[in-house]
Amino acid sequence: MSAKCKHCDGFSIWLNKKMVFPLTGNVEMPNADLPPEILNDYNEAKDIVNISPRGSAALLRLAIQKMCIHLGEKGKNINDDVANLVKKGLPVQLQQALDSVRVIGNHAVHPGVIDLDDKPETAFALFSFVNIICDYFITQPKKIAEVYGNLPEKDKANIAKRDS
């Protein structure tokens, strides 16, 4: 079966109630600041989400593990990495996003209570979480540093004096 999108006039092909073309479906584009090694996993997960939501979730879990390494954690145990980030002041909403990707990704590769074949929208939500986490840890600090770096030196010196 095929369908035509009302928004972009593009076509999609469906087989057994699953979109098989285009592969990426309606997954949001990756955050432009995702490190290359994480971007590769994100894009691979995006390419298979419609044919294997479980595989997609597992790849996004791997992306989160690599994100933890990028943030200075060990990357051996995501649960420990998240706990360390919480100790460093990680907001609860981001902790929940990280744990959601971790737990759902774990269940995707191990028998569990989450069946992504029954609820592929759960896998779709994980893409947003990866982007939100990247935005918080990479994009926002980069933007702030850029603007702050352009402040006059005497004002930065006054701020440093104030905060000492």
C-alpha atoms as a PDB file:
ATOM      1  CA  MET A   1       0.000   0.000   0.000  1.00  0.00           C
ATOM      2  CA  SER A   2       1.238   3.532  -0.667  1.00  0.00           C
ATOM      3  CA  ALA A   3       0.239   6.893   0.723  1.00  0.00           C
ATOM      4  CA  LYS A   4       0.881  10.509  -0.203  1.00  0.00           C
ATOM      5  CA  CYS A   5       1.851  12.989   2.515  1.00  0.00           C
ATOM      6  CA  LYS A   6      -0.448  16.014   2.737  1.00  0.00           C
ATOM      7  CA  HIS A   7       2.422  18.196   3.971  1.00  0.00           C
ATOM      8  CA  CYS A   8       5.334  17.413   1.641  1.00  0.00           C
ATOM      9  CA  ASP A   9       3.598  15.575  -1.232  1.00  0.00           C
ATOM     10  CA  GLY A  10       6.084  12.714  -0.738  1.00  0.00           C
ATOM     11  CA  PHE A  11       5.077   9.077  -0.952  1.00  0.00           C
ATOM     12  CA  SER A  12       5.371   6.321   1.611  1.00  0.00           C
ATOM     13  CA  ILE A  13       5.073   2.581   1.161  1.00  0.00           C
ATOM     14  CA  TRP A  14       3.493   0.385   3.813  1.00  0.00           C
ATOM     15  CA  LEU A  15       3.692  -3.377   4.303  1.00  0.00           C
ATOM     16  CA  ASN A  16       1.725  -5.151   7.035  1.00  0.00           C
ATOM     17  CA  LYS A  17       0.836  -1.819   8.682  1.00  0.00           C
ATOM     18  CA  LYS A  18       4.522  -0.773   8.852  1.00  0.00           C
ATOM     19  CA  MET A  19       6.099   1.996   6.822  1.00  0.00           C
ATOM     20  CA  VAL A  20       8.974   0.526   4.815  1.00  0.00           C
ATOM     21  CA  PHE A  21       9.724   3.593   2.701  1.00  0.00           C
ATOM     22  CA  PRO A  22      11.023   6.087   3.419  1.00  0.00           C
ATOM     23  CA  LEU A  23      12.995   4.273   6.068  1.00  0.00           C
ATOM     24  CA  THR A  24      13.276   7.262   8.382  1.00  0.00           C
ATOM     25  CA  GLY A  25       9.561   7.908   8.601  1.00  0.00           C
ATOM     26  CA  ASN A  26       8.875  10.957  10.726  1.00  0.00           C
ATOM     27  CA  VAL A  27      11.926  10.834  12.986  1.00  0.00           C
ATOM     28  CA  GLU A  28      13.268  14.267  13.810  1.00  0.00           C
ATOM     29  CA  MET A  29      16.600  15.284  12.383  1.00  0.00           C
ATOM     30  CA  PRO A  30      19.599  14.868  14.696  1.00  0.00           C
ATOM     31  CA  ASN A  31      20.899  17.791  16.695  1.00  0.00           C
ATOM     32  CA  ALA A  32      23.636  19.434  14.615  1.00  0.00           C
ATOM     33  CA  ASP A  33      25.992  19.286  17.591  1.00  0.00           C
ATOM     34  CA  LEU A  34      25.888  15.509  18.059  1.00  0.00           C
ATOM     35  CA  PRO A  35      29.471  14.231  18.023  1.00  0.00           C
ATOM     36  CA  PRO A  36      30.202  12.164  14.869  1.00  0.00           C
ATOM     37  CA  GLU A  37      30.394   8.809  16.671  1.00  0.00           C
ATOM     38  CA  ILE A  38      26.964   9.437  18.200  1.00  0.00           C
ATOM     39  CA  LEU A  39      25.529  10.882  14.992  1.00  0.00           C
ATOM     40  CA  ASN A  40      26.357   7.645  13.165  1.00  0.00           C
ATOM     41  CA  ASP A  41      24.371   5.596  15.688  1.00  0.00           C
ATOM     42  CA  TYR A  42      21.485   8.098  15.596  1.00  0.00           C
ATOM     43  CA  ASN A  43      21.290   7.951  11.800  1.00  0.00           C
ATOM     44  CA  GLU A  44      21.499   4.162  11.737  1.00  0.00           C
ATOM     45  CA  ALA A  45      18.708   3.988  14.324  1.00  0.00           C
ATOM     46  CA  LYS A  46      16.690   6.423  12.204  1.00  0.00           C
ATOM     47  CA  ASP A  47      17.180   4.257   9.120  1.00  0.00           C
ATOM     48  CA  ILE A  48      15.774   1.135  10.782  1.00  0.00           C
ATOM     49  CA  VAL A  49      13.142   2.467  13.195  1.00  0.00           C
ATOM     50  CA  ASN A  50      10.194   1.558  10.971  1.00  0.00           C
ATOM     51  CA  ILE A  51      11.387  -1.966  10.269  1.00  0.00           C
ATOM     52  CA  SER A  52      12.936  -2.642  13.701  1.00  0.00           C
ATOM     53  CA  PRO A  53      11.919  -0.363  16.573  1.00  0.00           C
ATOM     54  CA  ARG A  54      13.802  -2.711  18.933  1.00  0.00           C
ATOM     55  CA  GLY A  55      17.016  -2.399  16.942  1.00  0.00           C
ATOM     56  CA  SER A  56      16.567   1.344  16.800  1.00  0.00           C
ATOM     57  CA  ALA A  57      16.115   1.591  20.584  1.00  0.00           C
ATOM     58  CA  ALA A  58      19.218  -0.531  21.144  1.00  0.00           C
ATOM     59  CA  LEU A  59      21.275   1.774  18.896  1.00  0.00           C
ATOM     60  CA  LEU A  60      19.984   4.847  20.720  1.00  0.00           C
ATOM     61  CA  ARG A  61      20.986   3.243  24.022  1.00  0.00           C
ATOM     62  CA  LEU A  62      24.473   2.851  22.559  1.00  0.00           C
ATOM     63  CA  ALA A  63      24.366   6.520  21.529  1.00  0.00           C
ATOM     64  CA  ILE A  64      23.575   7.486  25.132  1.00  0.00           C
ATOM     65  CA  GLN A  65      26.446   5.351  26.382  1.00  0.00           C
ATOM     66  CA  LYS A  66      28.775   7.192  23.991  1.00  0.00           C
ATOM     67  CA  MET A  67      27.265  10.516  25.099  1.00  0.00           C
ATOM     68  CA  CYS A  68      28.176   9.670  28.705  1.00  0.00           C
ATOM     69  CA  ILE A  69      31.771   9.052  27.612  1.00  0.00           C
ATOM     70  CA  HIS A  70      31.727  12.346  25.714  1.00  0.00           C
ATOM     71  CA  LEU A  71      30.610  14.027  28.955  1.00  0.00           C
ATOM     72  CA  GLY A  72      33.583  12.613  30.862  1.00  0.00           C
ATOM     73  CA  GLU A  73      32.020   9.511  32.352  1.00  0.00           C
ATOM     74  CA  LYS A  74      33.511   6.008  32.089  1.00  0.00           C
ATOM     75  CA  GLY A  75      30.891   4.586  29.721  1.00  0.00           C
ATOM     76  CA  LYS A  76      31.169   1.080  31.194  1.00  0.00           C
ATOM     77  CA  ASN A  77      27.870   1.197  33.074  1.00  0.00           C
ATOM     78  CA  ILE A  78      25.300   3.774  31.994  1.00  0.00           C
ATOM     79  CA  ASN A  79      23.466   3.521  35.297  1.00  0.00           C
ATOM     80  CA  ASP A  80      26.637   4.547  37.171  1.00  0.00           C
ATOM     81  CA  ASP A  81      27.294   7.298  34.621  1.00  0.00           C
ATOM     82  CA  VAL A  82      23.801   8.744  35.118  1.00  0.00           C
ATOM     83  CA  ALA A  83      24.256   8.561  38.901  1.00  0.00           C
ATOM     84  CA  ASN A  84      27.518  10.526  38.574  1.00  0.00           C
ATOM     85  CA  LEU A  85      25.813  13.122  36.382  1.00  0.00           C
ATOM     86  CA  VAL A  86      23.026  13.449  38.974  1.00  0.00           C
ATOM     87  CA  LYS A  87      25.680  14.076  41.666  1.00  0.00           C
ATOM     88  CA  LYS A  88      27.058  16.834  39.421  1.00  0.00           C
ATOM     89  CA  GLY A  89      23.639  18.548  39.330  1.00  0.00           C
ATOM     90  CA  LEU A  90      21.856  16.906  36.389  1.00  0.00           C
ATOM     91  CA  PRO A  91      18.219  18.116  36.385  1.00  0.00           C
ATOM     92  CA  VAL A  92      15.649  15.424  37.104  1.00  0.00           C
ATOM     93  CA  GLN A  93      13.986  15.743  33.673  1.00  0.00           C
ATOM     94  CA  LEU A  94      17.280  14.959  31.928  1.00  0.00           C
ATOM     95  CA  GLN A  95      17.971  12.102  34.327  1.00  0.00           C
ATOM     96  CA  GLN A  96      14.585  10.687  33.379  1.00  0.00           C
ATOM     97  CA  ALA A  97      15.328  11.103  29.661  1.00  0.00           C
ATOM     98  CA  LEU A  98      18.698   9.349  30.032  1.00  0.00           C
ATOM     99  CA  ASP A  99      17.163   6.554  32.103  1.00  0.00           C
ATOM    100  CA  SER A 100      14.292   6.167  29.627  1.00  0.00           C
ATOM    101  CA  VAL A 101      16.695   5.600  26.748  1.00  0.00           C
ATOM    102  CA  ARG A 102      18.835   3.309  28.933  1.00  0.00           C
ATOM    103  CA  VAL A 103      15.964   1.148  30.213  1.00  0.00           C
ATOM    104  CA  ILE A 104      14.022   0.946  26.946  1.00  0.00           C
ATOM    105  CA  GLY A 105      17.237   0.173  25.068  1.00  0.00           C
ATOM    106  CA  ASN A 106      18.055  -2.562  27.579  1.00  0.00           C
ATOM    107  CA  HIS A 107      14.615  -4.098  27.226  1.00  0.00           C
ATOM    108  CA  ALA A 108      14.943  -3.968  23.455  1.00  0.00           C
ATOM    109  CA  VAL A 109      17.798  -6.454  23.544  1.00  0.00           C
ATOM    110  CA  HIS A 110      16.725  -8.439  26.601  1.00  0.00           C
ATOM    111  CA  PRO A 111      13.319 -10.002  27.221  1.00  0.00           C
ATOM    112  CA  GLY A 112      11.297  -7.570  29.255  1.00  0.00           C
ATOM    113  CA  VAL A 113       7.994  -5.852  29.714  1.00  0.00           C
ATOM    114  CA  ILE A 114       8.425  -3.245  26.979  1.00  0.00           C
ATOM    115  CA  ASP A 115       7.409  -4.525  23.546  1.00  0.00           C
ATOM    116  CA  LEU A 116       8.501  -1.948  21.002  1.00  0.00           C
ATOM    117  CA  ASP A 117       6.875  -3.886  18.179  1.00  0.00           C
ATOM    118  CA  ASP A 118       3.515  -3.170  19.785  1.00  0.00           C
ATOM    119  CA  LYS A 119       4.352   0.470  20.552  1.00  0.00           C
ATOM    120  CA  PRO A 120       6.862   1.829  18.019  1.00  0.00           C
ATOM    121  CA  GLU A 121       6.002   5.376  19.107  1.00  0.00           C
ATOM    122  CA  THR A 122       8.079   4.649  22.217  1.00  0.00           C
ATOM    123  CA  ALA A 123      11.126   4.167  19.996  1.00  0.00           C
ATOM    124  CA  PHE A 124      10.289   7.399  18.167  1.00  0.00           C
ATOM    125  CA  ALA A 125      10.281   9.306  21.482  1.00  0.00           C
ATOM    126  CA  LEU A 126      13.849   8.199  22.203  1.00  0.00           C
ATOM    127  CA  PHE A 127      15.152  10.230  19.250  1.00  0.00           C
ATOM    128  CA  SER A 128      13.789  13.388  20.874  1.00  0.00           C
ATOM    129  CA  PHE A 129      15.437  12.442  24.148  1.00  0.00           C
ATOM    130  CA  VAL A 130      18.846  12.041  22.503  1.00  0.00           C
ATOM    131  CA  ASN A 131      18.432  15.479  20.904  1.00  0.00           C
ATOM    132  CA  ILE A 132      17.276  17.061  24.174  1.00  0.00           C
ATOM    133  CA  ILE A 133      20.267  15.603  26.027  1.00  0.00           C
ATOM    134  CA  CYS A 134      22.635  16.871  23.324  1.00  0.00           C
ATOM    135  CA  ASP A 135      21.021  20.305  23.441  1.00  0.00           C
ATOM    136  CA  TYR A 136      21.454  20.558  27.219  1.00  0.00           C
ATOM    137  CA  PHE A 137      25.010  19.262  27.445  1.00  0.00           C
ATOM    138  CA  ILE A 138      26.534  20.466  24.161  1.00  0.00           C
ATOM    139  CA  THR A 139      24.463  23.035  22.241  1.00  0.00           C
ATOM    140  CA  GLN A 140      23.424  25.345  25.083  1.00  0.00           C
ATOM    141  CA  PRO A 141      26.914  25.550  26.683  1.00  0.00           C
ATOM    142  CA  LYS A 142      28.400  26.228  23.236  1.00  0.00           C
ATOM    143  CA  LYS A 143      25.969  29.105  22.603  1.00  0.00           C
ATOM    144  CA  ILE A 144      26.478  30.577  26.058  1.00  0.00           C
ATOM    145  CA  ALA A 145      30.286  30.364  25.756  1.00  0.00           C
ATOM    146  CA  GLU A 146      30.146  32.086  22.374  1.00  0.00           C
ATOM    147  CA  VAL A 147      28.111  35.041  23.627  1.00  0.00           C
ATOM    148  CA  TYR A 148      29.992  35.305  26.928  1.00  0.00           C
ATOM    149  CA  GLY A 149      33.320  35.107  25.084  1.00  0.00           C
ATOM    150  CA  ASN A 150      32.377  38.230  23.129  1.00  0.00           C
ATOM    151  CA  LEU A 151      31.821  40.337  26.242  1.00  0.00           C
ATOM    152  CA  PRO A 152      34.376  43.106  26.809  1.00  0.00           C
ATOM    153  CA  GLU A 153      37.376  41.893  28.841  1.00  0.00           C
ATOM    154  CA  LYS A 154      36.885  44.535  31.561  1.00  0.00           C
ATOM    155  CA  ASP A 155      33.310  43.316  32.106  1.00  0.00           C
ATOM    156  CA  LYS A 156      34.469  39.688  32.339  1.00  0.00           C
ATOM    157  CA  ALA A 157      37.134  40.786  34.831  1.00  0.00           C
ATOM    158  CA  ASN A 158      34.474  42.544  36.918  1.00  0.00           C
ATOM    159  CA  ILE A 159      32.299  39.429  36.829  1.00  0.00           C
ATOM    160  CA  ALA A 160      35.232  37.264  37.925  1.00  0.00           C
ATOM    161  CA  LYS A 161      35.998  39.717  40.756  1.00  0.00           C
ATOM    162  CA  ARG A 162      32.354  39.687  41.831  1.00  0.00           C
ATOM    163  CA  ASP A 163      32.283  35.872  41.920  1.00  0.00           C
ATOM    164  CA  SER A 164      35.569  35.385  43.775  1.00  0.00           C
END
